[in-house]
Amino acid sequence: MSKLKFDGVAHQITLIDSSGNTVGTWAAYNNVDSHATIRHILNGTYSVQDRTVPHRHVASANGPYGLHGIIRFNVPGHPGIGVHSGRANARHLPGPQHPTMGCIRTSDDAMSAISGLMSRDALTTIEVSNNSAVLAQAASKRHRDRSLQGHPRG
């Protein structure tokens, strides 16, 4: 069974197959809108609700969930939290950096790879690490400042 690993400071999500091989690593953020009922996802391992196919929404690269829907996982007290893409061309922080109501946002490329693997290798957990609100927000600001100065992100 496959799993996801999210690093809140590195802003990366990694897909690992059932053999322990890294399938891919992509940009991902847990930038949470100030109106959300959660500030960030706490470090820990969460069970996935949508194990073989993402929960579907209207497919749109610029919509709230992207082209491939959402993979929900169990965050106590916060139903509906998951991993998804969307807002690819938003005016404010487009793509993975765009704020959510608590979810982890990544790219359509990442969601395509994740949904492709989970259809044949069930996705069971997501491990969240280095995701303190202060550290994650400071790292987001550093990446944003570098981008504005014309430096490559890294």
N, C-alpha and C. Protein backbone atom coordinates (compact mmCIF):
# COMPACT_ATOMS: atom_id res chain seq x y z
N MET A 1 0.84 -1.18 0.00
CA MET A 1 0.00 0.00 0.00
C MET A 1 0.88 1.24 0.00
N SER A 2 0.50 2.21 -0.80
CA SER A 2 1.30 3.42 -0.97
C SER A 2 0.97 4.44 0.11
N LYS A 3 1.84 5.47 0.19
CA LYS A 3 1.62 6.53 1.17
C LYS A 3 2.16 7.84 0.64
N LEU A 4 1.72 8.92 1.26
CA LEU A 4 2.21 10.26 0.97
C LEU A 4 2.99 10.76 2.18
N LYS A 5 4.01 11.58 1.90
CA LYS A 5 4.73 12.29 2.95
C LYS A 5 4.72 13.76 2.59
N PHE A 6 4.30 14.59 3.54
CA PHE A 6 4.27 16.04 3.33
C PHE A 6 5.22 16.70 4.31
N ASP A 7 6.13 17.53 3.80
CA ASP A 7 7.07 18.30 4.62
C ASP A 7 6.65 19.76 4.52
N GLY A 8 6.17 20.32 5.63
CA GLY A 8 5.63 21.67 5.65
C GLY A 8 6.65 22.77 5.47
N VAL A 9 7.90 22.55 5.85
CA VAL A 9 8.93 23.57 5.68
C VAL A 9 9.55 23.49 4.29
N ALA A 10 9.78 22.28 3.80
CA ALA A 10 10.34 22.10 2.45
C ALA A 10 9.28 22.36 1.38
N HIS A 11 8.00 22.37 1.78
CA HIS A 11 6.89 22.55 0.85
C HIS A 11 6.95 21.49 -0.25
N GLN A 12 7.00 20.24 0.20
CA GLN A 12 7.06 19.13 -0.74
C GLN A 12 6.14 18.00 -0.29
N ILE A 13 5.55 17.36 -1.28
CA ILE A 13 4.80 16.14 -1.04
C ILE A 13 5.47 15.03 -1.85
N THR A 14 5.65 13.89 -1.21
CA THR A 14 6.34 12.76 -1.83
C THR A 14 5.40 11.56 -1.84
N LEU A 15 5.35 10.89 -2.98
CA LEU A 15 4.54 9.68 -3.14
C LEU A 15 5.47 8.47 -3.08
N ILE A 16 5.15 7.53 -2.18
CA ILE A 16 5.96 6.33 -1.97
C ILE A 16 5.08 5.11 -2.26
N ASP A 17 5.56 4.21 -3.11
CA ASP A 17 4.76 3.03 -3.45
C ASP A 17 4.90 1.96 -2.38
N SER A 18 4.17 0.86 -2.54
CA SER A 18 4.14 -0.19 -1.53
C SER A 18 5.48 -0.91 -1.36
N SER A 19 6.38 -0.75 -2.32
CA SER A 19 7.73 -1.34 -2.20
C SER A 19 8.71 -0.40 -1.52
N GLY A 20 8.25 0.79 -1.17
CA GLY A 20 9.11 1.77 -0.51
C GLY A 20 9.86 2.67 -1.48
N ASN A 21 9.55 2.59 -2.76
CA ASN A 21 10.20 3.42 -3.77
C ASN A 21 9.53 4.78 -3.87
N THR A 22 10.34 5.83 -4.02
CA THR A 22 9.79 7.17 -4.24
C THR A 22 9.35 7.27 -5.70
N VAL A 23 8.07 7.52 -5.89
CA VAL A 23 7.50 7.66 -7.23
C VAL A 23 7.71 9.07 -7.74
N GLY A 24 7.61 10.06 -6.85
CA GLY A 24 7.79 11.45 -7.23
C GLY A 24 7.69 12.37 -6.04
N THR A 25 8.23 13.57 -6.22
CA THR A 25 8.16 14.62 -5.21
C THR A 25 7.77 15.91 -5.92
N TRP A 26 6.81 16.64 -5.35
CA TRP A 26 6.29 17.84 -5.98
C TRP A 26 6.12 18.94 -4.94
N ALA A 27 6.01 20.17 -5.43
CA ALA A 27 5.72 21.31 -4.56
C ALA A 27 4.34 21.14 -3.94
N ALA A 28 4.21 21.47 -2.67
CA ALA A 28 2.92 21.40 -1.97
C ALA A 28 2.98 22.34 -0.77
N TYR A 29 1.85 22.94 -0.46
CA TYR A 29 1.77 23.91 0.64
C TYR A 29 0.54 23.65 1.50
N ASN A 30 0.66 24.01 2.76
CA ASN A 30 -0.46 24.00 3.68
C ASN A 30 -0.71 25.44 4.11
N ASN A 31 -0.83 26.34 3.10
CA ASN A 31 -1.14 27.75 3.35
C ASN A 31 -2.64 27.84 3.64
N VAL A 32 -2.97 28.18 4.86
CA VAL A 32 -4.37 28.15 5.29
C VAL A 32 -4.95 29.56 5.34
N ASP A 33 -6.10 29.72 4.72
CA ASP A 33 -6.82 30.99 4.70
C ASP A 33 -7.17 31.41 6.13
N SER A 34 -7.16 32.69 6.39
CA SER A 34 -7.43 33.19 7.74
C SER A 34 -8.87 32.91 8.19
N HIS A 35 -9.78 32.57 7.28
CA HIS A 35 -11.16 32.27 7.63
C HIS A 35 -11.39 30.80 7.96
N ALA A 36 -10.38 29.98 7.83
CA ALA A 36 -10.52 28.54 8.08
C ALA A 36 -10.62 28.26 9.57
N THR A 37 -11.15 27.11 9.91
CA THR A 37 -11.29 26.71 11.32
C THR A 37 -10.06 25.97 11.83
N ILE A 38 -9.03 25.85 11.00
CA ILE A 38 -7.78 25.19 11.37
C ILE A 38 -6.64 26.10 10.92
N ARG A 39 -5.57 26.18 11.67
CA ARG A 39 -4.42 27.03 11.32
C ARG A 39 -3.42 26.30 10.43
N HIS A 40 -3.23 25.03 10.69
CA HIS A 40 -2.37 24.16 9.88
C HIS A 40 -2.62 22.73 10.32
N ILE A 41 -2.20 21.78 9.52
CA ILE A 41 -2.34 20.38 9.88
C ILE A 41 -1.20 20.02 10.81
N LEU A 42 -1.54 19.46 11.95
CA LEU A 42 -0.52 19.07 12.92
C LEU A 42 0.34 17.92 12.40
N ASN A 43 1.60 17.88 12.83
CA ASN A 43 2.48 16.77 12.48
C ASN A 43 1.86 15.46 12.96
N GLY A 44 1.99 14.43 12.14
CA GLY A 44 1.47 13.13 12.50
C GLY A 44 1.16 12.30 11.26
N THR A 45 0.66 11.11 11.50
CA THR A 45 0.27 10.21 10.42
C THR A 45 -1.25 10.08 10.43
N TYR A 46 -1.85 10.30 9.27
CA TYR A 46 -3.30 10.30 9.14
C TYR A 46 -3.74 9.23 8.15
N SER A 47 -4.86 8.59 8.43
CA SER A 47 -5.39 7.58 7.52
C SER A 47 -6.15 8.27 6.38
N VAL A 48 -6.01 7.70 5.20
CA VAL A 48 -6.64 8.24 4.00
C VAL A 48 -8.04 7.66 3.85
N GLN A 49 -9.01 8.50 3.53
CA GLN A 49 -10.39 8.06 3.29
C GLN A 49 -10.57 7.57 1.85
N ASP A 50 -10.00 8.30 0.90
CA ASP A 50 -10.15 7.98 -0.52
C ASP A 50 -8.91 7.20 -0.96
N ARG A 51 -8.96 5.88 -0.83
CA ARG A 51 -7.76 5.05 -0.99
C ARG A 51 -7.45 4.64 -2.42
N THR A 52 -8.45 4.52 -3.27
CA THR A 52 -8.20 4.03 -4.63
C THR A 52 -8.57 5.02 -5.73
N VAL A 53 -9.35 6.03 -5.39
CA VAL A 53 -9.72 7.07 -6.35
C VAL A 53 -10.03 8.34 -5.58
N PRO A 54 -9.54 9.50 -6.07
CA PRO A 54 -9.87 10.75 -5.38
C PRO A 54 -11.37 11.03 -5.38
N HIS A 55 -11.83 11.75 -4.37
CA HIS A 55 -13.21 12.23 -4.32
C HIS A 55 -13.35 13.28 -5.42
N ARG A 56 -14.32 13.11 -6.29
CA ARG A 56 -14.46 13.97 -7.47
C ARG A 56 -15.16 15.29 -7.17
N HIS A 57 -14.70 16.30 -7.88
CA HIS A 57 -15.33 17.62 -7.94
C HIS A 57 -15.30 18.04 -9.40
N VAL A 58 -15.88 19.15 -9.74
CA VAL A 58 -15.81 19.65 -11.11
C VAL A 58 -14.34 19.83 -11.48
N ALA A 59 -13.92 19.20 -12.57
CA ALA A 59 -12.52 19.24 -12.99
C ALA A 59 -12.21 20.58 -13.65
N SER A 60 -11.30 21.34 -13.04
CA SER A 60 -10.86 22.62 -13.58
C SER A 60 -9.52 22.97 -12.96
N ALA A 61 -8.53 23.23 -13.80
CA ALA A 61 -7.20 23.61 -13.31
C ALA A 61 -7.27 24.87 -12.45
N ASN A 62 -8.24 25.73 -12.73
CA ASN A 62 -8.39 26.97 -11.97
C ASN A 62 -9.46 26.90 -10.89
N GLY A 63 -10.13 25.77 -10.79
CA GLY A 63 -11.15 25.59 -9.76
C GLY A 63 -10.52 25.31 -8.41
N PRO A 64 -11.35 25.15 -7.39
CA PRO A 64 -10.82 24.97 -6.04
C PRO A 64 -10.10 23.64 -5.81
N TYR A 65 -10.39 22.62 -6.63
CA TYR A 65 -9.79 21.30 -6.40
C TYR A 65 -8.95 20.78 -7.55
N GLY A 66 -8.81 21.53 -8.62
CA GLY A 66 -7.99 21.11 -9.75
C GLY A 66 -8.67 20.09 -10.64
N LEU A 67 -7.86 19.39 -11.43
CA LEU A 67 -8.37 18.46 -12.44
C LEU A 67 -8.71 17.08 -11.90
N HIS A 68 -8.19 16.72 -10.71
CA HIS A 68 -8.27 15.33 -10.26
C HIS A 68 -9.03 15.12 -8.95
N GLY A 69 -9.74 16.11 -8.44
CA GLY A 69 -10.48 15.95 -7.21
C GLY A 69 -9.60 16.08 -5.97
N ILE A 70 -10.08 15.53 -4.86
CA ILE A 70 -9.39 15.66 -3.57
C ILE A 70 -9.22 14.28 -2.95
N ILE A 71 -8.09 14.07 -2.32
CA ILE A 71 -7.84 12.85 -1.55
C ILE A 71 -7.97 13.24 -0.09
N ARG A 72 -9.09 12.84 0.51
CA ARG A 72 -9.37 13.24 1.89
C ARG A 72 -8.69 12.30 2.87
N PHE A 73 -8.28 12.88 4.00
CA PHE A 73 -7.72 12.08 5.08
C PHE A 73 -8.29 12.56 6.41
N ASN A 74 -8.18 11.72 7.42
CA ASN A 74 -8.86 11.94 8.70
C ASN A 74 -8.07 12.84 9.63
N VAL A 75 -8.45 14.11 9.69
CA VAL A 75 -7.89 15.07 10.65
C VAL A 75 -8.97 15.28 11.70
N PRO A 76 -8.73 14.83 12.94
CA PRO A 76 -9.76 14.94 13.97
C PRO A 76 -10.33 16.36 14.10
N GLY A 77 -11.65 16.44 14.07
CA GLY A 77 -12.34 17.72 14.23
C GLY A 77 -12.42 18.56 12.97
N HIS A 78 -11.85 18.06 11.87
CA HIS A 78 -11.84 18.85 10.63
C HIS A 78 -12.16 17.96 9.43
N PRO A 79 -13.41 17.57 9.25
CA PRO A 79 -13.77 16.72 8.12
C PRO A 79 -13.54 17.44 6.79
N GLY A 80 -13.15 16.68 5.79
CA GLY A 80 -12.97 17.26 4.46
C GLY A 80 -11.57 17.74 4.16
N ILE A 81 -10.65 17.64 5.11
CA ILE A 81 -9.26 18.02 4.85
C ILE A 81 -8.64 16.99 3.92
N GLY A 82 -7.84 17.46 2.96
CA GLY A 82 -7.21 16.53 2.04
C GLY A 82 -6.09 17.16 1.25
N VAL A 83 -5.72 16.45 0.19
CA VAL A 83 -4.69 16.91 -0.75
C VAL A 83 -5.39 17.12 -2.09
N HIS A 84 -5.14 18.26 -2.71
CA HIS A 84 -5.72 18.56 -4.02
C HIS A 84 -4.88 19.62 -4.72
N SER A 85 -5.23 19.90 -5.95
CA SER A 85 -4.55 20.96 -6.71
C SER A 85 -5.53 22.10 -6.90
N GLY A 86 -5.43 22.82 -8.00
CA GLY A 86 -6.37 23.90 -8.30
C GLY A 86 -5.76 25.28 -8.18
N ARG A 87 -6.55 26.26 -8.62
CA ARG A 87 -6.17 27.68 -8.59
C ARG A 87 -4.83 27.92 -9.33
N ALA A 88 -4.64 27.20 -10.43
CA ALA A 88 -3.38 27.25 -11.19
C ALA A 88 -3.02 28.65 -11.65
N ASN A 89 -4.01 29.47 -11.99
CA ASN A 89 -3.74 30.81 -12.50
C ASN A 89 -4.33 31.91 -11.62
N ALA A 90 -4.44 31.62 -10.33
CA ALA A 90 -4.99 32.62 -9.40
C ALA A 90 -4.10 33.86 -9.40
N ARG A 91 -4.70 35.01 -9.19
CA ARG A 91 -3.96 36.26 -9.15
C ARG A 91 -3.02 36.31 -7.94
N HIS A 92 -3.50 35.86 -6.80
CA HIS A 92 -2.72 35.87 -5.56
C HIS A 92 -2.19 34.46 -5.32
N LEU A 93 -0.88 34.29 -5.29
CA LEU A 93 -0.23 33.00 -5.02
C LEU A 93 -0.85 31.86 -5.83
N PRO A 94 -0.62 31.83 -7.13
CA PRO A 94 -1.22 30.78 -7.96
C PRO A 94 -0.66 29.39 -7.67
N GLY A 95 -1.46 28.38 -8.00
CA GLY A 95 -1.02 26.99 -7.90
C GLY A 95 -0.88 26.52 -6.47
N PRO A 96 0.13 25.68 -6.20
CA PRO A 96 0.28 25.06 -4.88
C PRO A 96 0.31 26.04 -3.71
N GLN A 97 0.79 27.26 -3.93
CA GLN A 97 0.88 28.22 -2.83
C GLN A 97 -0.46 28.87 -2.48
N HIS A 98 -1.46 28.73 -3.33
CA HIS A 98 -2.74 29.40 -3.08
C HIS A 98 -3.39 28.87 -1.80
N PRO A 99 -3.87 29.77 -0.93
CA PRO A 99 -4.46 29.35 0.35
C PRO A 99 -5.66 28.42 0.18
N THR A 100 -5.83 27.56 1.18
CA THR A 100 -6.95 26.62 1.25
C THR A 100 -7.68 26.82 2.57
N MET A 101 -8.70 26.05 2.79
CA MET A 101 -9.43 26.08 4.06
C MET A 101 -8.87 25.03 5.02
N GLY A 102 -7.60 24.66 4.82
CA GLY A 102 -6.93 23.71 5.71
C GLY A 102 -6.21 22.61 4.96
N CYS A 103 -6.52 22.43 3.70
CA CYS A 103 -5.95 21.35 2.90
C CYS A 103 -4.50 21.63 2.48
N ILE A 104 -3.87 20.58 1.98
CA ILE A 104 -2.57 20.67 1.33
C ILE A 104 -2.84 20.81 -0.16
N ARG A 105 -2.29 21.86 -0.77
CA ARG A 105 -2.48 22.07 -2.21
C ARG A 105 -1.17 21.76 -2.94
N THR A 106 -1.29 21.01 -4.03
CA THR A 106 -0.15 20.66 -4.87
C THR A 106 -0.53 20.95 -6.32
N SER A 107 0.18 20.38 -7.26
CA SER A 107 -0.06 20.63 -8.68
C SER A 107 -0.94 19.55 -9.31
N ASP A 108 -1.49 19.86 -10.49
CA ASP A 108 -2.24 18.86 -11.24
C ASP A 108 -1.33 17.70 -11.64
N ASP A 109 -0.06 17.97 -11.94
CA ASP A 109 0.88 16.89 -12.29
C ASP A 109 1.03 15.92 -11.12
N ALA A 110 1.16 16.46 -9.92
CA ALA A 110 1.29 15.60 -8.73
C ALA A 110 0.02 14.78 -8.54
N MET A 111 -1.13 15.43 -8.63
CA MET A 111 -2.40 14.72 -8.43
C MET A 111 -2.63 13.66 -9.49
N SER A 112 -2.18 13.89 -10.70
CA SER A 112 -2.30 12.90 -11.77
C SER A 112 -1.47 11.65 -11.41
N ALA A 113 -0.24 11.87 -10.98
CA ALA A 113 0.63 10.75 -10.61
C ALA A 113 0.09 10.00 -9.39
N ILE A 114 -0.38 10.74 -8.40
CA ILE A 114 -0.90 10.12 -7.18
C ILE A 114 -2.15 9.30 -7.51
N SER A 115 -3.10 9.88 -8.26
CA SER A 115 -4.31 9.14 -8.58
C SER A 115 -4.03 7.96 -9.49
N GLY A 116 -3.02 8.08 -10.36
CA GLY A 116 -2.65 6.95 -11.20
C GLY A 116 -2.13 5.78 -10.39
N LEU A 117 -1.28 6.05 -9.39
CA LEU A 117 -0.73 4.98 -8.56
C LEU A 117 -1.80 4.39 -7.63
N MET A 118 -2.60 5.24 -7.02
CA MET A 118 -3.56 4.74 -6.02
C MET A 118 -4.62 3.83 -6.64
N SER A 119 -4.84 3.91 -7.95
CA SER A 119 -5.82 3.04 -8.59
C SER A 119 -5.34 1.58 -8.63
N ARG A 120 -4.02 1.37 -8.50
CA ARG A 120 -3.49 0.01 -8.51
C ARG A 120 -2.68 -0.33 -7.25
N ASP A 121 -2.45 0.65 -6.39
CA ASP A 121 -1.67 0.47 -5.16
C ASP A 121 -2.31 1.40 -4.12
N ALA A 122 -3.29 0.90 -3.39
CA ALA A 122 -4.12 1.72 -2.49
C ALA A 122 -3.28 2.65 -1.61
N LEU A 123 -3.73 3.88 -1.52
CA LEU A 123 -3.09 4.91 -0.70
C LEU A 123 -3.68 4.81 0.70
N THR A 124 -2.85 4.57 1.72
CA THR A 124 -3.40 4.32 3.06
C THR A 124 -3.13 5.44 4.06
N THR A 125 -1.98 6.11 3.96
CA THR A 125 -1.65 7.13 4.96
C THR A 125 -0.97 8.33 4.32
N ILE A 126 -1.01 9.43 5.07
CA ILE A 126 -0.20 10.60 4.77
C ILE A 126 0.52 10.96 6.05
N GLU A 127 1.83 11.14 5.96
CA GLU A 127 2.65 11.55 7.09
C GLU A 127 2.97 13.03 6.93
N VAL A 128 2.61 13.82 7.92
CA VAL A 128 2.86 15.26 7.91
C VAL A 128 3.98 15.54 8.89
N SER A 129 5.02 16.24 8.42
CA SER A 129 6.14 16.58 9.30
C SER A 129 6.57 18.03 9.05
N ASN A 130 7.28 18.58 10.01
CA ASN A 130 7.82 19.95 9.91
C ASN A 130 6.74 20.96 9.54
N ASN A 131 5.57 20.80 10.10
CA ASN A 131 4.45 21.66 9.69
C ASN A 131 3.94 22.56 10.80
N SER A 132 4.86 23.13 11.58
CA SER A 132 4.40 24.12 12.55
C SER A 132 3.98 25.37 11.78
N ALA A 133 2.97 26.05 12.26
CA ALA A 133 2.46 27.23 11.56
C ALA A 133 3.56 28.27 11.37
N VAL A 134 4.36 28.53 12.40
CA VAL A 134 5.39 29.56 12.33
C VAL A 134 6.47 29.19 11.32
N LEU A 135 7.01 27.96 11.40
CA LEU A 135 8.07 27.55 10.48
C LEU A 135 7.56 27.46 9.04
N ALA A 136 6.38 26.92 8.84
CA ALA A 136 5.84 26.78 7.49
C ALA A 136 5.60 28.15 6.87
N GLN A 137 5.04 29.09 7.65
CA GLN A 137 4.79 30.43 7.12
C GLN A 137 6.08 31.18 6.84
N ALA A 138 7.10 31.02 7.69
CA ALA A 138 8.40 31.67 7.46
C ALA A 138 9.04 31.13 6.19
N ALA A 139 8.97 29.83 5.97
CA ALA A 139 9.54 29.24 4.75
C ALA A 139 8.77 29.71 3.53
N SER A 140 7.44 29.83 3.63
CA SER A 140 6.64 30.33 2.51
C SER A 140 7.07 31.75 2.15
N LYS A 141 7.30 32.57 3.17
CA LYS A 141 7.71 33.95 2.93
C LYS A 141 9.08 34.00 2.27
N ARG A 142 10.02 33.16 2.72
CA ARG A 142 11.35 33.13 2.09
C ARG A 142 11.24 32.75 0.62
N HIS A 143 10.45 31.72 0.30
CA HIS A 143 10.29 31.29 -1.09
C HIS A 143 9.65 32.40 -1.93
N ARG A 144 8.64 33.06 -1.38
CA ARG A 144 7.94 34.14 -2.08
C ARG A 144 8.88 35.31 -2.31
N ASP A 145 9.66 35.69 -1.28
CA ASP A 145 10.61 36.80 -1.41
C ASP A 145 11.66 36.50 -2.47
N ARG A 146 12.17 35.26 -2.48
CA ARG A 146 13.16 34.86 -3.49
C ARG A 146 12.59 34.96 -4.89
N SER A 147 11.34 34.53 -5.04
CA SER A 147 10.68 34.57 -6.35
C SER A 147 10.53 36.02 -6.82
N LEU A 148 10.16 36.91 -5.91
CA LEU A 148 9.98 38.31 -6.26
C LEU A 148 11.30 38.97 -6.63
N GLN A 149 12.40 38.48 -6.07
CA GLN A 149 13.71 39.04 -6.36
C GLN A 149 14.34 38.41 -7.61
N GLY A 150 13.64 37.47 -8.22
CA GLY A 150 14.16 36.84 -9.42
C GLY A 150 15.10 35.70 -9.19
N HIS A 151 15.22 35.21 -7.93
CA HIS A 151 16.07 34.08 -7.63
C HIS A 151 15.28 32.80 -7.81
N PRO A 152 15.94 31.75 -8.28
CA PRO A 152 15.23 30.48 -8.39
C PRO A 152 14.86 29.95 -7.01
N ARG A 153 13.72 29.27 -6.97
CA ARG A 153 13.30 28.66 -5.71
C ARG A 153 14.13 27.44 -5.44
N GLY A 154 14.37 27.19 -4.17
CA GLY A 154 15.14 25.99 -3.87
C GLY A 154 15.03 25.56 -2.46
